[in-house]
Amino acid sequence: MARCHRNDIGSLILDRPTAAPGGSGGHFRLWSAFSGASFRRKIFDAVSCGGSSRYRHHDDDDAPITDSEGSSVAESSKEKAVVVEKAKTKTKTTTTKGNGGKSEKLLDLLNLAEWSESEADAVATKRKVESLEKLKRVVRDLQFERKLEAAREVRLLAKEDLEARGTLAMLGAIPPLVIMLDIDDDGTQIAALYALLNLGIGNDVNKGAIVKAGAVHKMLKLIECPNSLNPSVSEAIVANFLGLSALDTNKPIIGSSGAIPFLVKTLENLDKTSSSQAKQDALRALYNLSIFPSNIFFVMETDLIPFMLSALGDMEVSERMLSILGNVVSTPEGRKAIGVVPDAFPILVDVLNWNDSPGCQEKASYILMVMAHKTYGDRQAMIEAGIVSALLELTLLGSTLAQKRASRILECLRMDKGKQVSESFGGNLGGAAVSAPIYGSSSSSANPNLGSAECLEEEDMMSEEKKAVKQLVQQSLQKTMRMIVKRANLPQDLVPFHFKSLTASSTSKSLPF
């Protein structure tokens, strides 16, 4: 029995054959009884369920359709497939909307991001092309016309752009800038010098290319010019020497070129024309050059070493000056040059008392340690300058590195003290030649003609000498240590513990610190 619902009339009229008003037979359907969406839903539900269910669930405005009704809707299998596909598409869209439209929004965002990324790539590519064309134009101007303006533009472009520095160098900007140094015009020379300076910042390839292009020779030519050198040009040359000397392969070239005397003159500033920045740059450039051992010879040809020792009171430059002296002391010639300077050791010993500058203490103790390890005469000069008390104080109050170096120097001095006492005991015992026991030398090796009895007697004397040396050294160290502890307001029980570490014997003569 047919079940009637609110919209069943539409189904009946749709499925029942009826004669047309014109008298011709056929079928007609009353399409206005359905909405388009409702009709598609009916067909999709009927087909997707395969017609196996008796009833299908629809919207509130639709009535259930039977299997026979569903099959009578599609007139052909082709129409049925098309309608089903459309219905599925519509259903997916409806489902997406039913989920709050999140999928559609996500898809829109993905599409927007993809479009934005492609657009950004296009914009970046366009900018790179424009930038490359600009750099090409600047290099052409350097070679043919507008040289001054082009040099200034290179200076600005290379100031903070590492990529531009490399590109300009590859395009050939360095040779024309070096050639511009021959132009007798201060403005042109300054523009070219600072353009070269910026091209070399952070780019070792460019630093090497600038030197190979002959920039060092041309800068020295400007320095040797009989006319007075413009202070701005001089400052730019010093800055270039600083930048170029940072590259190891450039150090021997610049050092042997004659640049060191110019840098020393700028540092000393005898004519009062050097700016504070130029003096700082000159000092740093000299440090870079002093790292290369062969340049120490050129340093000693100037009065740089006496000047630096006399200027060590200036805290702004003292640490870097001590760094240069640390490089100088690595060669025998450098140690000799430092040792012959009047008051060199009192000055260096005084630096050990700069408790507010650990860096200076460490560097000064390194210089003194190397010199004490190498030369006996320098050790005597250190003792006369009062180094022992300064070293003992440094072992208590200095940094870890300074303490280690001070202990090494004390060890060298202790060996000399033992030798002196040993020689005095030998003189009192009849003038026998006795070597210092600390060095481990045997009397038999010193005098092979001595008999076995004499050797035994001498060994007994040496054992007595060792005891006397040990006693004297301990008494001296204890007295000095207690004075320092009292001065530093440290606990008195610190002395015995720290004293043991200082008086421990060692046979190593290396310099590990």
Protein backbone atom coordinates (compact mmCIF):
# COMPACT_ATOMS: atom_id res chain seq x y z
CA MET A 1 0.00 0.00 0.00
CA ALA A 2 1.33 3.33 -1.00
CA ARG A 3 2.25 5.61 1.82
CA CYS A 4 1.42 9.25 1.38
CA HIS A 5 3.62 12.06 2.58
CA ARG A 6 3.62 15.73 2.09
CA ASN A 7 5.53 15.67 -1.21
CA ASP A 8 4.27 12.33 -2.55
CA ILE A 9 2.27 14.04 -5.21
CA GLY A 10 5.41 15.09 -6.88
CA SER A 11 6.60 11.51 -7.01
CA LEU A 12 3.30 10.23 -8.38
CA ILE A 13 3.12 12.78 -11.11
CA LEU A 14 6.75 12.15 -11.99
CA ASP A 15 6.37 8.41 -12.42
CA ARG A 16 2.87 7.91 -13.82
CA PRO A 17 2.38 8.06 -17.62
CA THR A 18 -0.26 10.56 -18.60
CA ALA A 19 -1.59 11.77 -21.92
CA ALA A 20 -0.46 15.11 -23.06
CA PRO A 21 -3.02 17.85 -23.53
CA GLY A 22 -2.28 17.87 -27.21
CA GLY A 23 -3.45 14.34 -27.62
CA SER A 24 0.00 12.81 -28.16
CA GLY A 25 1.18 10.06 -25.84
CA GLY A 26 4.30 10.12 -23.73
CA HIS A 27 5.53 10.93 -20.31
CA PHE A 28 5.97 14.20 -18.56
CA ARG A 29 7.33 15.16 -15.18
CA LEU A 30 6.40 17.90 -12.87
CA TRP A 31 9.91 19.27 -12.14
CA SER A 32 8.65 22.25 -10.22
CA ALA A 33 7.68 20.00 -7.32
CA PHE A 34 11.41 19.61 -6.37
CA SER A 35 14.25 21.93 -5.67
CA GLY A 36 17.40 21.16 -7.69
CA ALA A 37 19.44 20.24 -4.62
CA SER A 38 16.70 18.01 -3.27
CA PHE A 39 16.39 16.17 -6.55
CA ARG A 40 20.09 15.53 -6.80
CA ARG A 41 20.17 14.30 -3.23
CA LYS A 42 17.38 11.82 -3.97
CA ILE A 43 19.19 10.40 -6.99
CA PHE A 44 22.55 10.21 -5.22
CA ASP A 45 21.09 8.41 -2.22
CA ALA A 46 19.24 5.96 -4.42
CA VAL A 47 22.27 5.13 -6.58
CA SER A 48 24.89 5.14 -3.83
CA CYS A 49 22.87 2.74 -1.74
CA GLY A 50 22.44 0.40 -4.70
CA GLY A 51 18.64 0.30 -4.31
CA SER A 52 18.88 -2.37 -1.63
CA SER A 53 17.19 -0.39 1.12
CA ARG A 54 13.53 0.15 1.26
CA TYR A 55 13.69 3.73 2.43
CA ARG A 56 16.24 6.51 2.13
CA HIS A 57 16.66 9.36 4.60
CA HIS A 58 16.44 12.86 3.21
CA ASP A 59 15.89 16.41 4.28
CA ASP A 60 12.77 17.32 6.15
CA ASP A 61 11.19 18.70 2.97
CA ASP A 62 11.71 15.43 1.03
CA ALA A 63 9.76 12.15 1.14
CA PRO A 64 11.39 8.72 1.08
CA ILE A 65 11.58 7.10 -2.33
CA THR A 66 11.34 3.42 -3.07
CA ASP A 67 13.60 1.26 -5.18
CA SER A 68 11.13 1.28 -8.05
CA GLU A 69 10.82 5.01 -7.86
CA GLY A 70 14.58 5.49 -7.82
CA SER A 71 15.08 3.30 -10.83
CA SER A 72 12.46 5.11 -12.81
CA VAL A 73 14.19 8.47 -12.36
CA ALA A 74 17.27 7.82 -14.52
CA GLU A 75 16.34 7.11 -18.10
CA SER A 76 19.70 5.67 -19.06
CA SER A 77 22.85 4.37 -17.41
CA LYS A 78 24.88 7.21 -18.91
CA GLU A 79 22.63 9.87 -17.45
CA LYS A 80 22.72 8.01 -14.19
CA ALA A 81 26.56 8.06 -14.05
CA VAL A 82 26.72 11.78 -14.85
CA VAL A 83 24.14 12.64 -12.24
CA VAL A 84 25.91 10.47 -9.65
CA GLU A 85 29.24 12.17 -10.27
CA LYS A 86 27.68 15.59 -9.92
CA ALA A 87 25.93 14.49 -6.78
CA LYS A 88 29.17 13.24 -5.28
CA THR A 89 30.92 16.50 -6.03
CA LYS A 90 28.09 18.44 -4.49
CA THR A 91 28.11 16.18 -1.45
CA LYS A 92 31.84 16.74 -0.90
CA THR A 93 31.34 20.47 -1.09
CA THR A 94 28.40 20.25 1.28
CA THR A 95 30.46 18.13 3.69
CA THR A 96 33.30 20.62 3.58
CA LYS A 97 30.90 23.42 4.38
CA GLY A 98 29.39 21.30 7.11
CA ASN A 99 32.85 21.16 8.77
CA GLY A 100 32.84 24.90 9.16
CA GLY A 101 34.63 25.61 5.89
CA LYS A 102 38.02 24.82 7.47
CA SER A 103 39.26 22.77 4.55
CA GLU A 104 38.35 25.48 2.08
CA LYS A 105 40.14 28.09 4.21
CA LEU A 106 43.22 25.88 4.54
CA LEU A 107 43.25 25.33 0.80
CA ASP A 108 42.97 29.06 0.21
CA LEU A 109 45.86 29.70 2.60
CA LEU A 110 48.03 27.08 0.91
CA ASN A 111 47.27 28.54 -2.48
CA LEU A 112 48.00 32.03 -1.17
CA ALA A 113 51.29 30.87 0.39
CA GLU A 114 52.34 29.14 -2.82
CA TRP A 115 51.50 32.21 -4.82
CA SER A 116 53.29 34.50 -2.35
CA GLU A 117 56.41 32.29 -2.40
CA SER A 118 56.57 32.27 -6.15
CA GLU A 119 55.99 35.99 -6.24
CA ALA A 120 58.73 36.53 -3.60
CA ASP A 121 61.15 34.42 -5.65
CA ALA A 122 60.37 36.46 -8.69
CA VAL A 123 60.90 39.71 -6.79
CA ALA A 124 64.20 38.45 -5.28
CA THR A 125 65.45 37.37 -8.69
CA LYS A 126 64.55 40.72 -10.13
CA ARG A 127 66.41 42.52 -7.36
CA LYS A 128 69.52 40.38 -7.84
CA VAL A 129 69.52 41.13 -11.54
CA GLU A 130 69.14 44.85 -10.86
CA SER A 131 71.90 44.74 -8.23
CA LEU A 132 74.27 42.93 -10.58
CA GLU A 133 73.62 45.47 -13.31
CA LYS A 134 74.32 48.26 -10.84
CA LEU A 135 77.64 46.69 -9.80
CA LYS A 136 78.62 46.25 -13.45
CA ARG A 137 77.88 49.88 -14.12
CA VAL A 138 80.00 50.98 -11.12
CA VAL A 139 82.98 48.92 -12.31
CA ARG A 140 82.65 50.37 -15.82
CA ASP A 141 82.70 53.86 -14.32
CA LEU A 142 85.88 52.99 -12.40
CA GLN A 143 87.60 51.98 -15.61
CA PHE A 144 86.49 54.79 -17.89
CA GLU A 145 84.70 57.77 -16.37
CA ARG A 146 83.31 59.14 -13.11
CA LYS A 147 86.17 57.50 -11.21
CA LEU A 148 85.79 59.52 -8.01
CA GLU A 149 82.02 59.01 -7.80
CA ALA A 150 82.41 55.33 -8.62
CA ALA A 151 85.07 54.85 -5.91
CA ARG A 152 82.80 56.46 -3.35
CA GLU A 153 79.95 54.23 -4.49
CA VAL A 154 82.14 51.12 -4.15
CA ARG A 155 83.03 52.21 -0.64
CA LEU A 156 79.34 52.41 0.31
CA LEU A 157 78.31 49.22 -1.49
CA ALA A 158 81.09 47.16 0.10
CA LYS A 159 80.76 48.64 3.57
CA GLU A 160 78.32 46.10 5.00
CA ASP A 161 77.54 43.73 2.11
CA LEU A 162 79.84 40.72 2.03
CA GLU A 163 78.31 39.43 -1.19
CA ALA A 164 78.82 42.76 -2.93
CA ARG A 165 82.52 42.72 -1.96
CA GLY A 166 83.08 39.41 -3.67
CA THR A 167 81.03 40.37 -6.74
CA LEU A 168 82.80 43.70 -7.20
CA ALA A 169 86.19 42.01 -6.96
CA MET A 170 85.19 39.38 -9.53
CA LEU A 171 83.94 42.11 -11.85
CA GLY A 172 87.41 43.74 -11.70
CA ALA A 173 87.00 46.64 -9.28
CA ILE A 174 90.36 46.22 -7.47
CA PRO A 175 92.91 47.08 -10.23
CA PRO A 176 91.33 50.44 -11.21
CA LEU A 177 91.07 51.43 -7.53
CA VAL A 178 94.77 50.68 -7.04
CA ILE A 179 95.62 52.72 -10.16
CA MET A 180 93.67 55.65 -8.72
CA LEU A 181 96.30 55.94 -5.95
CA ASP A 182 98.64 57.45 -8.55
CA ILE A 183 96.30 60.42 -9.10
CA ASP A 184 97.67 63.49 -7.35
CA ASP A 185 94.46 64.40 -5.58
CA ASP A 186 93.76 63.84 -1.89
CA GLY A 187 90.03 63.28 -2.36
CA THR A 188 90.56 60.65 -5.05
CA GLN A 189 93.24 58.89 -3.03
CA ILE A 190 91.07 58.80 0.11
CA ALA A 191 88.07 57.47 -1.81
CA ALA A 192 90.17 54.73 -3.43
CA LEU A 193 91.87 53.76 -0.15
CA TYR A 194 88.63 53.37 1.77
CA ALA A 195 87.02 51.51 -1.13
CA LEU A 196 89.93 49.04 -1.04
CA LEU A 197 89.67 48.84 2.75
CA ASN A 198 85.98 47.89 2.62
CA LEU A 199 86.53 45.38 -0.17
CA GLY A 200 89.02 43.52 2.03
CA ILE A 201 86.87 43.35 5.17
CA GLY A 202 86.11 39.72 5.93
CA ASN A 203 87.35 38.56 2.53
CA ASP A 204 90.81 36.97 2.47
CA VAL A 205 90.68 36.48 -1.30
CA ASN A 206 90.25 40.21 -1.78
CA LYS A 207 93.05 40.97 0.70
CA GLY A 208 95.43 38.85 -1.34
CA ALA A 209 94.22 40.37 -4.62
CA ILE A 210 94.76 43.92 -3.32
CA VAL A 211 98.38 43.16 -2.40
CA LYS A 212 98.99 41.39 -5.71
CA ALA A 213 97.63 44.41 -7.55
CA GLY A 214 100.47 46.52 -6.07
CA ALA A 215 98.55 48.47 -3.44
CA VAL A 216 101.32 48.19 -0.81
CA HIS A 217 103.92 49.63 -3.17
CA LYS A 218 101.68 52.52 -4.17
CA MET A 219 100.77 53.32 -0.55
CA LEU A 220 104.46 53.45 0.39
CA LYS A 221 105.03 55.70 -2.61
CA LEU A 222 102.49 58.11 -1.16
CA ILE A 223 104.24 57.96 2.23
CA GLU A 224 107.63 58.76 0.69
CA CYS A 225 106.24 61.69 -1.26
CA PRO A 226 108.35 64.81 -0.57
CA ASN A 227 105.23 66.88 -0.05
CA SER A 228 103.61 66.70 3.37
CA LEU A 229 101.19 63.82 3.55
CA ASN A 230 97.58 64.65 4.23
CA PRO A 231 96.67 63.29 7.70
CA SER A 232 93.46 61.81 6.28
CA VAL A 233 95.42 59.98 3.59
CA SER A 234 97.90 58.76 6.21
CA GLU A 235 95.09 57.46 8.40
CA ALA A 236 93.53 55.61 5.45
CA ILE A 237 96.90 54.00 4.62
CA VAL A 238 97.33 52.83 8.22
CA ALA A 239 93.83 51.33 8.19
CA ASN A 240 94.66 49.46 4.98
CA PHE A 241 97.89 48.09 6.45
CA LEU A 242 95.90 46.86 9.43
CA GLY A 243 93.34 45.09 7.26
CA LEU A 244 95.85 43.59 4.84
CA SER A 245 98.25 42.42 7.58
CA ALA A 246 95.54 40.19 9.04
CA LEU A 247 96.18 37.70 6.21
CA ASP A 248 99.18 35.47 6.97
CA THR A 249 100.45 35.42 3.38
CA ASN A 250 100.53 39.23 3.38
CA LYS A 251 102.57 39.55 6.61
CA PRO A 252 106.06 38.95 5.09
CA ILE A 253 105.26 41.13 2.06
CA ILE A 254 104.13 44.10 4.12
CA GLY A 255 106.87 43.63 6.75
CA SER A 256 109.67 43.65 4.20
CA SER A 257 108.18 46.50 2.17
CA GLY A 258 109.15 49.25 4.60
CA ALA A 259 105.73 49.70 6.17
CA ILE A 260 106.92 48.99 9.73
CA PRO A 261 108.90 52.28 10.16
CA PHE A 262 105.87 54.22 8.93
CA LEU A 263 103.61 52.42 11.42
CA VAL A 264 106.10 53.04 14.24
CA LYS A 265 106.24 56.72 13.36
CA THR A 266 102.45 56.90 13.38
CA LEU A 267 102.36 55.20 16.77
CA GLU A 268 104.97 57.45 18.33
CA ASN A 269 103.22 60.49 16.81
CA LEU A 270 106.24 62.71 17.25
CA ASP A 271 104.81 65.37 14.94
CA LYS A 272 101.42 65.27 16.75
CA THR A 273 99.52 64.71 13.51
CA SER A 274 98.25 61.18 14.10
CA SER A 275 94.73 60.75 15.39
CA SER A 276 93.92 58.42 18.26
CA GLN A 277 92.29 55.98 15.83
CA ALA A 278 95.38 55.98 13.61
CA LYS A 279 97.60 55.18 16.62
CA GLN A 280 95.37 52.29 17.63
CA ASP A 281 95.34 50.94 14.06
CA ALA A 282 99.11 51.25 13.80
CA LEU A 283 99.62 49.34 17.05
CA ARG A 284 97.30 46.54 15.95
CA ALA A 285 98.98 46.36 12.55
CA LEU A 286 102.39 46.08 14.22
CA TYR A 287 101.07 43.24 16.35
CA ASN A 288 99.85 41.40 13.23
CA LEU A 289 103.21 41.85 11.55
CA SER A 290 105.22 40.81 14.64
CA ILE A 291 103.54 37.40 14.57
CA PHE A 292 105.71 36.51 11.56
CA PRO A 293 109.24 35.79 12.95
CA SER A 294 111.17 37.32 10.04
CA ASN A 295 109.50 40.67 10.70
CA ILE A 296 111.12 40.90 14.16
CA PHE A 297 114.33 41.97 12.45
CA PHE A 298 112.56 44.93 10.83
CA VAL A 299 110.98 45.81 14.17
CA MET A 300 114.39 45.93 15.86
CA GLU A 301 115.67 48.33 13.20
CA THR A 302 113.32 50.91 14.68
CA ASP A 303 113.08 52.22 18.23
CA LEU A 304 109.77 50.46 18.80
CA ILE A 305 110.97 48.26 21.69
CA PRO A 306 112.34 51.12 23.88
CA PHE A 307 109.28 53.20 23.03
CA MET A 308 106.85 50.46 24.08
CA LEU A 309 108.71 49.76 27.33
CA SER A 310 108.63 53.44 28.23
CA ALA A 311 104.93 53.69 27.33
CA LEU A 312 103.73 50.70 29.35
CA GLY A 313 102.09 52.95 31.93
CA ASP A 314 99.28 53.81 29.50
CA MET A 315 96.60 51.22 30.26
CA GLU A 316 94.81 51.75 26.94
CA VAL A 317 97.73 50.39 24.93
CA SER A 318 99.81 48.48 27.48
CA GLU A 319 98.25 45.06 26.94
CA ARG A 320 98.72 45.17 23.16
CA MET A 321 102.27 46.47 23.57
CA LEU A 322 103.02 43.56 25.88
CA SER A 323 101.55 41.24 23.24
CA ILE A 324 104.02 42.65 20.69
CA LEU A 325 106.90 42.21 23.16
CA GLY A 326 105.69 38.65 23.68
CA ASN A 327 106.15 38.03 19.96
CA VAL A 328 109.55 39.77 19.97
CA VAL A 329 110.86 37.68 22.88
CA SER A 330 110.33 34.49 20.88
CA THR A 331 113.58 35.11 18.96
CA PRO A 332 117.11 35.34 20.42
CA GLU A 333 117.62 38.73 18.80
CA GLY A 334 114.39 39.99 20.30
CA ARG A 335 115.34 38.84 23.79
CA LYS A 336 118.67 40.58 23.47
CA ALA A 337 117.00 43.76 22.26
CA ILE A 338 114.69 43.79 25.28
CA GLY A 339 117.45 42.95 27.75
CA VAL A 340 119.69 45.85 26.70
CA VAL A 341 117.01 48.50 27.20
CA PRO A 342 117.73 50.43 30.41
CA ASP A 343 115.22 49.71 33.20
CA ALA A 344 113.52 47.07 31.08
CA PHE A 345 113.27 44.60 33.96
CA PRO A 346 112.13 47.09 36.64
CA ILE A 347 109.38 48.17 34.23
CA LEU A 348 108.26 44.60 33.53
CA VAL A 349 108.46 43.70 37.24
CA ASP A 350 106.30 46.70 38.03
CA VAL A 351 103.65 45.39 35.61
CA LEU A 352 103.40 42.24 37.74
CA ASN A 353 101.93 44.38 40.50
CA TRP A 354 99.03 45.61 38.34
CA ASN A 355 96.37 43.60 40.12
CA ASP A 356 93.61 45.39 38.24
CA SER A 357 94.93 44.14 34.87
CA PRO A 358 95.26 40.33 34.82
CA GLY A 359 95.94 40.37 31.07
CA CYS A 360 98.98 42.59 31.52
CA GLN A 361 100.23 40.44 34.39
CA GLU A 362 99.97 37.29 32.29
CA LYS A 363 101.78 38.80 29.32
CA ALA A 364 104.53 40.41 31.42
CA SER A 365 105.10 37.15 33.33
CA TYR A 366 105.36 35.31 30.00
CA ILE A 367 108.08 37.70 28.76
CA LEU A 368 110.00 37.39 32.01
CA MET A 369 109.57 33.60 32.07
CA VAL A 370 111.04 33.18 28.59
CA MET A 371 113.96 35.49 29.34
CA ALA A 372 114.64 33.87 32.72
CA HIS A 373 114.62 30.42 31.15
CA LYS A 374 117.10 31.39 28.41
CA THR A 375 119.68 33.75 29.92
CA TYR A 376 121.49 33.69 33.27
CA GLY A 377 122.36 37.39 33.09
CA ASP A 378 118.69 38.30 32.69
CA ARG A 379 117.83 36.32 35.82
CA GLN A 380 120.35 38.31 37.82
CA ALA A 381 118.88 41.56 36.50
CA MET A 382 115.40 40.39 37.49
CA ILE A 383 116.53 39.62 41.04
CA GLU A 384 118.12 43.03 41.33
CA ALA A 385 114.83 44.57 40.14
CA GLY A 386 113.01 42.91 43.07
CA ILE A 387 111.16 40.30 41.10
CA VAL A 388 111.01 37.68 43.88
CA SER A 389 108.52 39.50 46.09
CA ALA A 390 106.40 40.43 43.06
CA LEU A 391 106.33 36.81 41.90
CA LEU A 392 105.40 35.48 45.34
CA GLU A 393 102.56 37.96 45.54
CA LEU A 394 101.48 36.97 42.05
CA THR A 395 101.33 33.30 43.05
CA LEU A 396 98.78 34.27 45.69
CA LEU A 397 96.73 36.98 44.06
CA GLY A 398 97.23 36.51 40.31
CA SER A 399 95.16 34.61 37.79
CA THR A 400 95.69 30.88 37.32
CA LEU A 401 97.91 31.39 34.27
CA ALA A 402 99.92 34.15 35.97
CA GLN A 403 100.44 31.94 39.03
CA LYS A 404 101.82 29.11 36.91
CA ARG A 405 104.20 31.41 35.09
CA ALA A 406 105.34 33.05 38.31
CA SER A 407 106.08 29.61 39.77
CA ARG A 408 108.18 28.73 36.74
CA ILE A 409 110.23 31.91 37.11
CA LEU A 410 110.75 31.24 40.82
CA GLU A 411 112.01 27.79 39.97
CA CYS A 412 114.62 29.25 37.60
CA LEU A 413 115.70 31.77 40.22
CA ARG A 414 115.88 29.07 42.89
CA MET A 415 118.32 27.11 40.75
CA ASP A 416 120.54 30.15 40.43
CA LYS A 417 120.37 30.76 44.18
CA GLY A 418 121.45 27.18 44.83
CA LYS A 419 124.35 27.58 42.45
CA GLN A 420 125.57 30.73 44.18
CA VAL A 421 125.45 29.14 47.64
CA SER A 422 127.16 26.04 46.32
CA GLU A 423 130.00 28.11 44.89
CA SER A 424 130.43 30.01 48.17
CA PHE A 425 130.67 26.72 50.08
CA GLY A 426 133.23 25.49 47.59
CA GLY A 427 135.31 28.63 48.10
CA ASN A 428 135.28 28.21 51.89
CA LEU A 429 136.38 24.62 51.55
CA GLY A 430 139.58 25.36 49.77
CA GLY A 431 138.48 26.78 46.45
CA ALA A 432 137.45 23.49 44.90
CA ALA A 433 135.43 23.88 41.76
CA VAL A 434 131.94 22.62 42.55
CA SER A 435 129.05 22.76 40.08
CA ALA A 436 125.50 23.60 41.07
CA PRO A 437 123.81 20.48 42.43
CA ILE A 438 120.39 21.50 41.13
CA TYR A 439 121.45 20.98 37.54
CA GLY A 440 122.36 17.39 38.32
CA SER A 441 125.96 17.70 37.12
CA SER A 442 128.52 15.40 38.71
CA SER A 443 131.98 16.40 39.82
CA SER A 444 133.47 13.45 38.05
CA SER A 445 132.22 14.71 34.72
CA ALA A 446 133.59 18.16 35.50
CA ASN A 447 137.02 16.83 36.50
CA PRO A 448 137.66 13.29 35.24
CA ASN A 449 141.15 13.22 36.78
CA LEU A 450 139.80 13.06 40.35
CA GLY A 451 140.24 9.76 42.11
CA SER A 452 137.45 7.69 43.59
CA ALA A 453 138.21 8.88 47.14
CA GLU A 454 138.09 12.50 46.07
CA CYS A 455 134.78 11.86 44.30
CA LEU A 456 133.26 10.39 47.45
CA GLU A 457 134.50 13.31 49.51
CA GLU A 458 133.07 15.76 47.01
CA GLU A 459 129.70 13.96 47.02
CA ASP A 460 129.58 14.32 50.80
CA MET A 461 130.30 18.01 50.47
CA MET A 462 127.57 18.37 47.83
CA SER A 463 125.03 16.74 50.13
CA GLU A 464 125.91 19.29 52.79
CA GLU A 465 125.63 22.03 50.20
CA LYS A 466 122.16 20.82 49.22
CA LYS A 467 121.04 21.02 52.80
CA ALA A 468 122.40 24.53 53.18
CA VAL A 469 120.82 25.67 49.91
CA LYS A 470 117.47 24.21 50.85
CA GLN A 471 117.55 25.86 54.26
CA LEU A 472 118.48 29.29 52.90
CA VAL A 473 115.89 29.18 50.14
CA GLN A 474 113.15 28.09 52.52
CA GLN A 475 113.97 30.80 55.01
CA SER A 476 113.96 33.46 52.33
CA LEU A 477 110.71 32.28 50.78
CA GLN A 478 108.95 31.91 54.11
CA LYS A 479 109.89 35.40 55.19
CA THR A 480 108.75 36.96 51.93
CA MET A 481 105.57 34.88 51.85
CA ARG A 482 104.54 35.89 55.34
CA MET A 483 105.00 39.54 54.44
CA ILE A 484 102.78 39.12 51.39
CA VAL A 485 100.10 37.20 53.30
CA LYS A 486 100.04 39.89 55.95
CA ARG A 487 99.78 42.57 53.27
CA ALA A 488 96.97 40.78 51.46
CA ASN A 489 95.03 40.07 54.70
CA LEU A 490 94.99 36.34 53.97
CA PRO A 491 94.85 33.57 56.60
CA GLN A 492 98.26 32.80 58.05
CA ASP A 493 97.72 29.07 57.66
CA LEU A 494 97.83 29.55 53.89
CA VAL A 495 101.60 29.95 53.94
CA PRO A 496 102.72 26.37 54.67
CA PHE A 497 100.39 24.84 52.09
CA HIS A 498 101.27 27.27 49.31
CA PHE A 499 104.94 27.26 50.22
CA LYS A 500 105.22 23.54 49.55
CA SER A 501 104.05 23.96 45.97
CA LEU A 502 106.60 26.70 45.35
CA THR A 503 109.58 24.88 46.82
CA ALA A 504 108.89 21.55 45.15
CA SER A 505 111.86 20.57 43.02
CA SER A 506 111.50 19.93 39.31
CA THR A 507 113.92 18.74 36.68
CA SER A 508 111.85 19.94 33.70
CA LYS A 509 113.28 22.87 31.79
CA SER A 510 110.43 23.25 29.32
CA LEU A 511 108.02 26.19 29.20
CA PRO A 512 104.51 24.75 29.15
CA PHE A 513 102.73 27.97 29.97
